Every structure is written in structure tokens, then in C-alpha cells.
Protein backbone atom coordinates (compact mmCIF):
# COMPACT_ATOMS: atom_id res chain seq x y z
CA MET A 1 107.65 103.78 82.85
CA GLN A 2 108.25 103.56 86.59
CA PHE A 3 110.99 105.54 88.31
CA ARG A 4 112.64 105.54 91.72
CA LEU A 5 113.64 108.97 92.99
CA VAL A 6 116.12 109.44 95.84
CA LEU A 7 115.53 112.67 97.77
CA ARG A 8 117.76 114.43 100.28
CA PRO A 9 116.22 116.79 102.86
CA THR A 10 117.83 120.22 102.81
CA ALA A 11 117.36 120.83 106.55
CA ARG A 12 118.65 118.87 109.54
CA GLN A 13 115.10 118.64 110.89
CA THR A 14 112.39 118.10 108.30
CA LEU A 15 108.71 117.58 109.08
CA VAL A 16 106.53 116.17 106.28
CA PRO A 17 102.82 116.97 106.76
CA PHE A 18 100.40 114.05 106.89
CA ASN A 19 98.40 115.19 103.86
CA TYR A 20 101.37 115.69 101.54
CA ALA A 21 100.22 113.77 98.45
CA TYR A 22 98.38 116.66 96.80
CA ARG A 23 101.53 118.81 97.05
CA LEU A 24 103.55 116.07 95.35
CA SER A 25 100.96 115.92 92.57
CA ALA A 26 101.32 119.67 92.03
CA PHE A 27 105.11 119.26 91.95
CA ILE A 28 104.84 116.66 89.15
CA TYR A 29 102.62 118.94 87.06
CA ALA A 30 105.08 121.81 87.58
CA VAL A 31 108.05 119.69 86.48
CA LEU A 32 106.19 118.53 83.37
CA ALA A 33 105.15 122.09 82.56
CA GLU A 34 108.79 123.20 82.50
CA ALA A 35 109.40 120.83 79.61
CA ASP A 36 106.02 120.77 77.86
CA GLU A 37 103.44 123.24 79.10
CA GLN A 38 100.82 122.05 76.62
CA TYR A 39 101.10 118.41 77.74
CA ALA A 40 101.00 119.37 81.43
CA HIS A 41 97.90 121.50 80.79
CA PHE A 42 96.27 118.60 78.95
CA LEU A 43 96.90 116.20 81.84
CA HIS A 44 95.81 118.64 84.53
CA ASN A 45 92.67 119.99 82.87
CA GLN A 46 91.52 117.17 80.60
CA GLY A 47 93.36 113.86 80.58
CA TYR A 48 92.18 110.82 78.65
CA THR A 49 88.39 110.85 78.46
CA TYR A 50 86.30 107.70 78.79
CA SER A 51 82.97 109.44 79.40
CA SER A 52 81.71 112.86 80.44
CA THR A 53 82.35 111.95 84.10
CA ARG A 54 85.41 109.68 83.82
CA ARG A 55 88.78 111.11 82.86
CA PHE A 56 92.20 109.65 83.57
CA LYS A 57 95.64 111.26 83.89
CA LEU A 58 97.51 107.93 83.57
CA PHE A 59 100.24 108.61 86.08
CA THR A 60 100.55 107.91 89.77
CA PHE A 61 103.07 107.89 92.60
CA SER A 62 103.83 106.10 95.83
CA ASP A 63 103.85 107.19 99.43
CA LEU A 64 107.15 108.71 100.45
CA ILE A 65 109.38 105.89 101.70
CA MET A 66 110.85 107.31 104.90
CA PRO A 67 112.81 104.80 107.03
CA ASN A 68 112.37 105.28 110.77
CA ALA A 69 110.13 108.33 110.35
CA ARG A 70 108.73 109.59 113.65
CA LEU A 71 105.04 110.44 113.80
CA ASP A 72 104.19 113.68 115.56
CA VAL A 73 100.43 114.09 115.79
CA ARG A 74 100.64 117.41 117.61
CA ALA A 75 102.86 118.86 114.88
CA GLY A 76 100.69 117.33 112.15
CA GLY A 77 103.31 115.31 110.35
CA MET A 78 106.26 112.93 110.30
CA TRP A 79 109.87 113.79 111.14
CA VAL A 80 112.42 112.51 108.61
CA ASN A 81 115.05 110.43 110.42
CA SER A 82 117.25 109.32 107.51
CA PRO A 83 119.71 111.10 105.20
CA HIS A 84 117.65 110.11 102.16
CA ILE A 85 114.09 109.07 101.37
CA GLU A 86 112.66 107.41 98.26
CA TRP A 87 109.68 108.01 96.04
CA ILE A 88 108.23 105.93 93.16
CA VAL A 89 106.64 107.77 90.22
CA SER A 90 104.90 105.96 87.35
CA PHE A 91 103.85 107.23 83.94
CA TYR A 92 101.96 105.36 81.24
CA VAL A 93 104.31 106.50 78.48
CA ASP A 94 106.52 104.86 75.90
CA LYS A 95 109.94 103.56 76.99
CA ALA A 96 111.50 106.03 74.57
CA ALA A 97 110.64 108.79 77.07
CA GLN A 98 112.77 107.20 79.83
CA ASP A 99 115.86 109.39 79.52
CA PHE A 100 113.73 112.50 78.99
CA ILE A 101 111.79 111.93 82.23
CA ILE A 102 114.94 111.13 84.20
CA GLY A 103 116.41 114.42 83.02
CA LEU A 104 113.28 116.33 84.04
CA PHE A 105 113.40 115.22 87.67
CA GLN A 106 117.15 115.03 88.25
CA ASP A 107 118.38 117.76 90.66
CA GLN A 108 114.93 119.30 91.04
CA ARG A 109 114.02 120.99 94.31
CA CYS A 110 110.82 119.45 95.69
CA VAL A 111 108.96 121.58 98.25
CA ILE A 112 106.01 120.34 100.30
CA ALA A 113 104.49 123.47 101.81
CA THR A 114 101.36 124.14 103.83
CA PRO A 115 100.43 127.09 106.07
CA ARG A 116 101.97 125.13 108.98
CA HIS A 117 104.79 123.19 107.32
CA ARG A 118 107.61 123.41 104.82
CA ALA A 119 109.62 120.35 103.83
CA GLU A 120 112.25 120.77 101.15
CA PHE A 121 114.19 118.08 99.30
CA ILE A 122 116.73 117.83 96.48
CA ILE A 123 116.26 114.96 94.04
CA GLU A 124 119.75 113.49 93.94
CA ARG A 125 119.13 110.40 91.83
CA VAL A 126 116.51 109.14 89.38
CA GLU A 127 116.56 105.58 88.07
CA ALA A 128 114.20 103.55 85.93
CA VAL A 129 112.48 100.62 87.66
CA PRO A 130 112.14 97.67 85.24
CA VAL A 131 108.54 96.65 84.65
CA GLU A 132 108.92 93.29 82.95
CA ILE A 133 105.63 91.45 82.49
CA THR A 134 106.33 88.12 80.84
CA SER A 135 103.15 86.20 81.63
CA ASP A 136 99.42 86.82 81.94
CA THR A 137 99.59 86.80 85.76
CA VAL A 138 101.22 89.37 88.02
CA ARG A 139 101.42 89.71 91.77
CA LEU A 140 101.19 93.30 92.93
CA ARG A 141 101.74 95.08 96.23
CA THR A 142 100.40 98.46 97.20
CA LEU A 143 102.81 101.40 97.28
CA SER A 144 100.07 103.88 98.21
CA PRO A 145 96.44 103.49 99.35
CA VAL A 146 94.01 102.09 96.78
CA VAL A 147 90.66 103.88 96.57
CA ILE A 148 87.67 101.83 95.44
CA ALA A 149 84.18 103.14 96.15
CA GLU A 150 80.56 102.60 95.18
CA LYS A 151 77.59 104.93 95.54
CA ASP A 152 74.98 104.30 98.23
CA GLU A 153 71.28 105.16 97.95
CA ARG A 154 72.08 108.78 98.82
CA GLY A 155 74.68 109.04 96.08
CA MET A 156 77.54 109.11 98.61
CA ASP A 157 80.77 107.21 98.11
CA GLN A 158 81.22 104.15 100.30
CA TYR A 159 84.90 103.15 100.38
CA LEU A 160 85.44 99.41 100.10
CA HIS A 161 87.80 97.02 101.84
CA PRO A 162 89.94 94.88 99.48
CA ALA A 163 88.02 91.77 100.65
CA ASP A 164 84.63 93.29 99.81
CA GLU A 165 82.87 91.38 97.04
CA GLN A 166 82.51 94.55 94.95
CA PHE A 167 86.15 95.64 95.30
CA GLY A 168 87.33 93.36 92.47
CA PRO A 169 84.58 94.24 89.96
CA LEU A 170 85.08 97.97 90.49
CA LEU A 171 88.88 97.76 90.27
CA VAL A 172 88.58 95.79 87.03
CA SER A 173 85.98 98.16 85.59
CA ASN A 174 88.20 101.14 86.33
CA LEU A 175 91.22 99.51 84.68
CA LEU A 176 89.25 98.59 81.57
CA ALA A 177 87.95 102.16 81.31
CA LYS A 178 91.51 103.53 81.50
CA HIS A 179 92.62 101.19 78.74
CA ALA A 180 89.59 102.06 76.62
CA SER A 181 90.28 105.80 76.92
CA VAL A 182 93.75 105.31 75.43
CA GLN A 183 92.57 102.97 72.68
CA ALA A 184 89.83 105.41 71.71
CA ALA A 185 92.30 108.26 71.46
CA LEU A 186 94.70 106.22 69.34
CA SER A 187 92.15 104.66 67.00
CA THR A 188 89.56 107.32 66.21
CA GLY A 189 90.26 110.46 68.17
CA ASP A 190 86.66 110.31 69.41
CA LEU A 191 86.94 109.86 73.15
CA THR A 192 83.25 109.87 74.07
CA ASP A 193 81.48 107.12 72.13
CA TYR A 194 84.10 104.40 72.26
CA GLU A 195 82.90 101.04 73.58
CA PRO A 196 85.67 98.69 74.74
CA GLU A 197 85.56 95.04 73.85
CA PRO A 198 85.24 92.77 76.88
CA ALA A 199 88.58 91.50 78.12
CA PRO A 200 89.01 88.72 80.66
CA LEU A 201 90.68 90.10 83.76
CA THR A 202 90.84 88.34 87.11
CA TYR A 203 91.41 89.98 90.50
CA ARG A 204 92.50 87.91 93.51
CA LEU A 205 93.21 89.26 96.97
CA LEU A 206 96.16 87.44 98.49
CA PRO A 207 96.79 86.61 102.13
CA ASN A 208 99.72 88.45 103.61
CA PRO A 209 102.62 86.08 104.47
CA GLY A 210 103.54 85.08 108.01
CA ARG A 211 101.79 83.56 110.98
CA GLN A 212 100.85 86.97 112.34
CA ALA A 213 99.72 88.23 108.96
CA ALA A 214 98.68 91.87 109.00
CA GLN A 215 95.35 92.84 107.51
CA PRO A 216 94.95 95.63 104.95
CA LYS A 217 94.99 99.02 106.66
CA SER A 218 92.91 102.06 105.80
CA ARG A 219 93.95 105.71 105.66
CA LEU A 220 91.73 108.78 105.47
CA VAL A 221 93.45 111.41 103.35
CA THR A 222 92.51 115.03 102.77
CA ILE A 223 92.94 116.31 99.20
CA LYS A 224 93.37 120.09 98.77
CA GLU A 225 93.47 120.56 102.53
CA GLY A 226 92.22 123.98 103.60
CA ALA A 227 90.82 124.87 100.16
CA ARG A 228 87.19 125.27 99.14
CA GLU A 229 87.53 122.07 97.10
CA GLU A 230 88.80 120.06 100.11
CA THR A 231 87.86 116.38 99.83
CA LYS A 232 88.41 113.44 102.16
CA VAL A 233 88.89 109.97 100.68
CA ARG A 234 89.69 106.61 102.24
CA GLY A 235 92.06 104.11 100.69
CA TYR A 236 93.50 100.74 101.72
CA TYR A 237 97.16 99.75 101.71
CA GLY A 238 99.45 97.04 103.04
CA PHE A 239 98.09 94.20 100.95
CA GLN A 240 98.96 92.16 97.88
CA PHE A 241 96.77 91.00 95.05
CA GLU A 242 96.97 89.12 91.80
CA LEU A 243 95.77 90.17 88.37
CA ASN A 244 95.42 87.75 85.50
CA GLY A 245 94.69 88.98 81.99
CA PRO A 246 96.14 90.54 78.84
CA LYS A 247 99.65 91.91 79.33
CA GLU A 248 98.70 95.40 78.15
CA LEU A 249 96.14 95.66 80.95
CA LEU A 250 98.58 94.36 83.53
CA GLU A 251 101.14 96.91 82.37
CA MET A 252 98.57 99.69 82.63
CA ALA A 253 97.78 98.66 86.22
CA VAL A 254 101.44 99.11 87.18
CA LEU A 255 102.16 102.27 85.21
CA ALA A 256 98.87 104.18 85.47
CA GLY A 257 97.70 102.88 88.85
CA VAL A 258 94.56 101.10 90.02
CA GLY A 259 91.37 102.54 91.42
CA ARG A 260 90.56 106.23 91.76
CA TYR A 261 92.61 109.38 92.27
CA ASN A 262 95.83 108.02 90.79
CA ALA A 263 97.21 111.46 89.91
CA GLU A 264 96.68 112.48 93.55
CA GLY A 265 98.93 109.66 94.77
CA PHE A 266 96.53 106.75 95.18
CA GLY A 267 96.59 103.27 93.64
CA CYS A 268 100.33 103.05 92.99
CA VAL A 269 101.44 99.41 92.88
CA GLY A 270 104.66 97.50 92.33
CA LEU A 271 105.51 94.06 91.02
CA THR A 272 106.55 91.41 93.52
CA GLU A 273 109.10 88.75 92.69
CA THR A 274 107.09 85.56 93.14
CA LYS A 275 103.81 84.40 91.68
CA PRO A 276 101.23 83.23 94.24
CA THR A 277 99.47 79.89 94.14
CA SER A 278 96.36 80.64 96.16
CA GLY A 279 94.27 83.49 97.48
CA VAL A 280 90.78 84.77 98.11
CA SER A 281 88.24 87.13 96.55
CA ASP A 282 88.42 86.14 92.89
CA PHE A 283 86.68 88.28 90.29
CA VAL A 284 86.60 87.73 86.53
CA SER A 285 85.57 90.60 84.26
CA SER A 286 83.97 88.50 81.55
CA PRO A 287 82.79 84.93 81.13
């Protein structure tokens, strides 16, 4: 299920730090723990296991949607310049959980705090966003940066541009692994030796509309800023792409996110209204 949250800042002047996504992730875990501590612990510490090194939490969230926000590099953040902001949160859960999740987030106090900043919001409204997939092709737009990387000869991650020839294969591989982790859990309970059957899945990067079409932009984000486990990752946003394949995989892309670090606020995507007719960078997962 995908949800749109409307947040109201509690102060007249509110500064949101640049690296806020990790704090939002912690907020989601805290909200879930209030209702089901065991489930929240499972997501945070284990998740759905595909292999010893690949585990998935199967939720994600968008960037904060802040109209007319003012960047303040010296202060290290963005000033909120609107009475309300929005936030999209997605969970790969059954539709029966819709009312339960809405109730969890309604009227919650969301605090984004760092040693230098404190931004506080009240969640005034939570509404379900329809995710209706009626064909085997969807057009998606990024709602937060998408992280796709491959290892170089030194074993270091090299973050890929959406037009890179390996971006599509790695995005598809990641999505198939997410789906396999769920199927393994449902079918046998053995989450380590499950081998997914090949499924045809096509990725196509689409040109942005307009004569002065903007190119995908990159953002370097710090996860766990200031902690011993601090990590910097680079993701790309501001682009659209098409996926063609089984509906259950398309649904997973929207609800669980694409690429890496979904539970840290990366790879959140939304459906667009029209289906494209052409694009570039095709990739098919199986013959």
C-alpha cells in the first residue's frame, strides 16, 4: 500500500537538515513498534532474506515534498516555506492493512533531530494512494533517489547513472531478488536456498518531456551522519522509466521500491498517468 501523509510544522520557522532520510526511517520503525514491536524488530534486524548478504525490508518512502523550500547551505538544511508539506510512504503489505496503517500514522508527532537541527511536524492527514496496475507495462517516476551500484576491481561501489548499460540489469536483478525473498518465505519458510524462476522484466529509461528536457540528477546522501556507521551513497532522481513484466513484480517495484537502501528512503517511485511509446536503454531479464 502507498500512502500520502500531510505534515504541519509546529514552529513558524522550521529548518529540515539535508540528510534527513535516516531520521524518517527511524520514525517509521518507531511508529510500527508502537503497534507491533515484534514486527518492527523483524524488519529492522532481519527483513526478508534472499541470501546471507541480501535482505530486504520491503518498504520505502519519498523525499519530503516541500513547496518553495529555501536552501541554506550555511545552516545545513532547507527552510520550510509552506503551511504543510507532503510525504509518500509505501509498504509491501496486503490491502487489508490499509486502515490499520492510516491509524498508526494519523496525528503522530514526527521529529527530525540532529545535533544542529530540530524540525518537528504533526501528521494531520493520511490517505491511501491507489496503486492500480491493469497491464503488464507501467511508467514510473522517481520520488526519491534511486541507488544502483556495481563493484569495481577493488570491491568498491560505483554508483551508476540511469543511462548506464548496467543500470537496467542491476535494477531488474534487485527486484527479482526482492520478489524471490517473499515467495520463499510464503512457500517453504526456507529463505536461504530458494532459487527464483526466471521472469521476463524489461527496463526502459524514458526521455524527460519538453524541449529543454532536464537530465537525471544525482545526490550524495549521508546515512547515519555523525555515527561510527556513517555511509555516503549516491542516487539519481528526476527521471522516468518504464517496466514491462508480470503485474506482481510491477506492484512490488511501486510498493517496496527499486534499487538499494529502500528502507533508508531511496528508490521510492510513483505511477504516472500515461504510458510511453518510446525510450532508451532497454533491458530484458530473460530471453
